[in-house]
Amino acid sequence: MEISGSTISSLSLLLHEFATNSVKYGALSSTAGQIEVHCADRAGQVVITWSERGGPPVAPPIGKEGFGDLLVRATVTGQLRGDISREWKPEGLVIRLSLPRQSLTG
């Protein structure tokens, strides 16, 4: 799949933010924790799924969004023209990015 330089930078920023949060609060804060990243092309949308497991119990954050959350949302919805969802499952956090295929090359 072809990806432009600016898109690589945006995706790197997102994955770095997810990994940092996982080290602080999620699966990567535990020696038994694991991360799985899955990418799929679905009808012109690239879907990237970040799944954590083996870490401490998870719960949705309470209170205001932090700077990282604002940065992630702005990157996904603004720069990449996509959507993001988070699901706090008992076994770990699942993040789904859905990006228009054409936003990856431009």
C-alpha atoms as a PDB file:
ATOM      1  CA  MET A   1       0.000   0.000   0.000  1.00  0.00           C
ATOM      2  CA  GLU A   2       1.370   3.390  -0.939  1.00  0.00           C
ATOM      3  CA  ILE A   3       1.678   5.903   1.915  1.00  0.00           C
ATOM      4  CA  SER A   4       2.926   9.494   1.633  1.00  0.00           C
ATOM      5  CA  GLY A   5       5.668  10.929   3.844  1.00  0.00           C
ATOM      6  CA  SER A   6       3.339  13.240   5.738  1.00  0.00           C
ATOM      7  CA  THR A   7       0.950  10.358   6.400  1.00  0.00           C
ATOM      8  CA  ILE A   8       3.801   8.182   7.710  1.00  0.00           C
ATOM      9  CA  SER A   9       4.644  10.960  10.166  1.00  0.00           C
ATOM     10  CA  SER A  10       1.014  11.185  11.313  1.00  0.00           C
ATOM     11  CA  LEU A  11       0.668   7.416  11.718  1.00  0.00           C
ATOM     12  CA  SER A  12       3.976   7.270  13.610  1.00  0.00           C
ATOM     13  CA  LEU A  13       2.758   9.982  15.966  1.00  0.00           C
ATOM     14  CA  LEU A  14      -0.468   8.070  16.629  1.00  0.00           C
ATOM     15  CA  LEU A  15       1.274   4.740  17.268  1.00  0.00           C
ATOM     16  CA  HIS A  16       3.795   6.447  19.543  1.00  0.00           C
ATOM     17  CA  GLU A  17       0.960   7.988  21.581  1.00  0.00           C
ATOM     18  CA  PHE A  18      -0.830   4.633  21.853  1.00  0.00           C
ATOM     19  CA  ALA A  19       2.398   2.893  22.922  1.00  0.00           C
ATOM     20  CA  THR A  20       3.239   5.588  25.479  1.00  0.00           C
ATOM     21  CA  ASN A  21      -0.212   5.285  27.057  1.00  0.00           C
ATOM     22  CA  SER A  22       0.065   1.506  27.042  1.00  0.00           C
ATOM     23  CA  VAL A  23       3.387   1.662  28.900  1.00  0.00           C
ATOM     24  CA  LYS A  24       1.920   4.047  31.488  1.00  0.00           C
ATOM     25  CA  TYR A  25      -1.532   2.528  31.986  1.00  0.00           C
ATOM     26  CA  GLY A  26      -2.162  -0.465  29.742  1.00  0.00           C
ATOM     27  CA  ALA A  27      -0.856  -3.808  28.575  1.00  0.00           C
ATOM     28  CA  LEU A  28       2.762  -2.711  28.215  1.00  0.00           C
ATOM     29  CA  SER A  29       2.861  -1.752  31.902  1.00  0.00           C
ATOM     30  CA  SER A  30       2.904  -5.487  32.671  1.00  0.00           C
ATOM     31  CA  THR A  31       5.469  -8.127  31.690  1.00  0.00           C
ATOM     32  CA  ALA A  32       2.568 -10.348  30.529  1.00  0.00           C
ATOM     33  CA  GLY A  33       1.040  -7.592  28.384  1.00  0.00           C
ATOM     34  CA  GLN A  34       0.820  -7.808  24.622  1.00  0.00           C
ATOM     35  CA  ILE A  35      -0.178  -5.530  21.762  1.00  0.00           C
ATOM     36  CA  GLU A  36      -1.573  -6.649  18.426  1.00  0.00           C
ATOM     37  CA  VAL A  37      -1.880  -4.260  15.487  1.00  0.00           C
ATOM     38  CA  HIS A  38      -4.025  -5.382  12.573  1.00  0.00           C
ATOM     39  CA  CYS A  39      -4.514  -3.531   9.266  1.00  0.00           C
ATOM     40  CA  ALA A  40      -7.239  -4.229   6.727  1.00  0.00           C
ATOM     41  CA  ASP A  41      -8.528  -2.628   3.537  1.00  0.00           C
ATOM     42  CA  ARG A  42     -12.339  -2.543   3.596  1.00  0.00           C
ATOM     43  CA  ALA A  43     -14.193  -0.937   0.720  1.00  0.00           C
ATOM     44  CA  GLY A  44     -11.813   2.000   0.324  1.00  0.00           C
ATOM     45  CA  GLN A  45     -11.245   2.398   4.063  1.00  0.00           C
ATOM     46  CA  VAL A  46      -8.042   1.339   5.782  1.00  0.00           C
ATOM     47  CA  VAL A  47      -8.896   0.016   9.235  1.00  0.00           C
ATOM     48  CA  ILE A  48      -6.100  -0.174  11.794  1.00  0.00           C
ATOM     49  CA  THR A  49      -6.950  -1.996  15.027  1.00  0.00           C
ATOM     50  CA  TRP A  50      -4.719  -1.712  18.111  1.00  0.00           C
ATOM     51  CA  SER A  51      -5.610  -4.392  20.691  1.00  0.00           C
ATOM     52  CA  GLU A  52      -4.115  -4.740  24.159  1.00  0.00           C
ATOM     53  CA  ARG A  53      -4.320  -7.714  26.496  1.00  0.00           C
ATOM     54  CA  GLY A  54      -2.568  -9.117  29.512  1.00  0.00           C
ATOM     55  CA  GLY A  55      -2.261  -5.827  31.345  1.00  0.00           C
ATOM     56  CA  PRO A  56      -4.057  -4.413  34.363  1.00  0.00           C
ATOM     57  CA  PRO A  57      -7.862  -4.076  34.355  1.00  0.00           C
ATOM     58  CA  VAL A  58      -8.957  -1.177  32.178  1.00  0.00           C
ATOM     59  CA  ALA A  59     -11.666   1.418  32.595  1.00  0.00           C
ATOM     60  CA  PRO A  60     -12.636   4.463  30.535  1.00  0.00           C
ATOM     61  CA  PRO A  61     -10.903   7.635  31.664  1.00  0.00           C
ATOM     62  CA  ILE A  62     -12.822   9.998  33.909  1.00  0.00           C
ATOM     63  CA  GLY A  63     -12.643  13.738  33.454  1.00  0.00           C
ATOM     64  CA  LYS A  64     -11.323  15.996  30.749  1.00  0.00           C
ATOM     65  CA  GLU A  65      -9.365  14.859  27.719  1.00  0.00           C
ATOM     66  CA  GLY A  66      -5.631  15.200  28.013  1.00  0.00           C
ATOM     67  CA  PHE A  67      -3.312  16.796  25.464  1.00  0.00           C
ATOM     68  CA  GLY A  68      -2.524  13.394  23.926  1.00  0.00           C
ATOM     69  CA  ASP A  69      -6.221  12.686  23.355  1.00  0.00           C
ATOM     70  CA  LEU A  70      -6.698  16.070  21.689  1.00  0.00           C
ATOM     71  CA  LEU A  71      -3.637  15.508  19.495  1.00  0.00           C
ATOM     72  CA  VAL A  72      -4.838  12.043  18.453  1.00  0.00           C
ATOM     73  CA  ARG A  73      -8.335  13.259  17.595  1.00  0.00           C
ATOM     74  CA  ALA A  74      -7.008  16.246  15.631  1.00  0.00           C
ATOM     75  CA  THR A  75      -4.596  14.025  13.693  1.00  0.00           C
ATOM     76  CA  VAL A  76      -7.178  11.359  12.851  1.00  0.00           C
ATOM     77  CA  THR A  77     -10.147  13.581  12.040  1.00  0.00           C
ATOM     78  CA  GLY A  78      -8.282  16.613  10.702  1.00  0.00           C
ATOM     79  CA  GLN A  79      -5.137  15.522   8.887  1.00  0.00           C
ATOM     80  CA  LEU A  80      -6.211  12.005   7.934  1.00  0.00           C
ATOM     81  CA  ARG A  81      -9.964  12.689   7.531  1.00  0.00           C
ATOM     82  CA  GLY A  82     -10.807   9.497   9.420  1.00  0.00           C
ATOM     83  CA  ASP A  83     -12.558   8.219  12.509  1.00  0.00           C
ATOM     84  CA  ILE A  84     -11.304   6.785  15.790  1.00  0.00           C
ATOM     85  CA  SER A  85     -13.073   4.661  18.374  1.00  0.00           C
ATOM     86  CA  ARG A  86     -11.894   3.263  21.691  1.00  0.00           C
ATOM     87  CA  GLU A  87     -13.370   0.301  23.507  1.00  0.00           C
ATOM     88  CA  TRP A  88     -12.335  -0.434  27.093  1.00  0.00           C
ATOM     89  CA  LYS A  89     -12.848  -4.207  27.224  1.00  0.00           C
ATOM     90  CA  PRO A  90     -12.102  -6.131  30.419  1.00  0.00           C
ATOM     91  CA  GLU A  91      -9.137  -7.824  28.713  1.00  0.00           C
ATOM     92  CA  GLY A  92      -7.708  -4.555  27.388  1.00  0.00           C
ATOM     93  CA  LEU A  93      -8.138  -1.432  25.318  1.00  0.00           C
ATOM     94  CA  VAL A  94      -9.048  -1.693  21.633  1.00  0.00           C
ATOM     95  CA  ILE A  95      -8.522   1.328  19.372  1.00  0.00           C
ATOM     96  CA  ARG A  96      -9.870   1.383  15.813  1.00  0.00           C
ATOM     97  CA  LEU A  97      -8.798   3.890  13.204  1.00  0.00           C
ATOM     98  CA  SER A  98     -10.791   4.038   9.984  1.00  0.00           C
ATOM     99  CA  LEU A  99      -9.073   6.120   7.316  1.00  0.00           C
ATOM    100  CA  PRO A 100     -10.048   6.804   3.707  1.00  0.00           C
ATOM    101  CA  ARG A 101      -7.529   5.050   1.490  1.00  0.00           C
ATOM    102  CA  GLN A 102      -6.910   8.244  -0.485  1.00  0.00           C
ATOM    103  CA  SER A 103      -5.903  10.119   2.679  1.00  0.00           C
ATOM    104  CA  LEU A 104      -2.870   7.831   2.979  1.00  0.00           C
ATOM    105  CA  THR A 105      -1.335   8.994  -0.283  1.00  0.00           C
ATOM    106  CA  GLY A 106      -2.066  12.707  -0.052  1.00  0.00           C
END
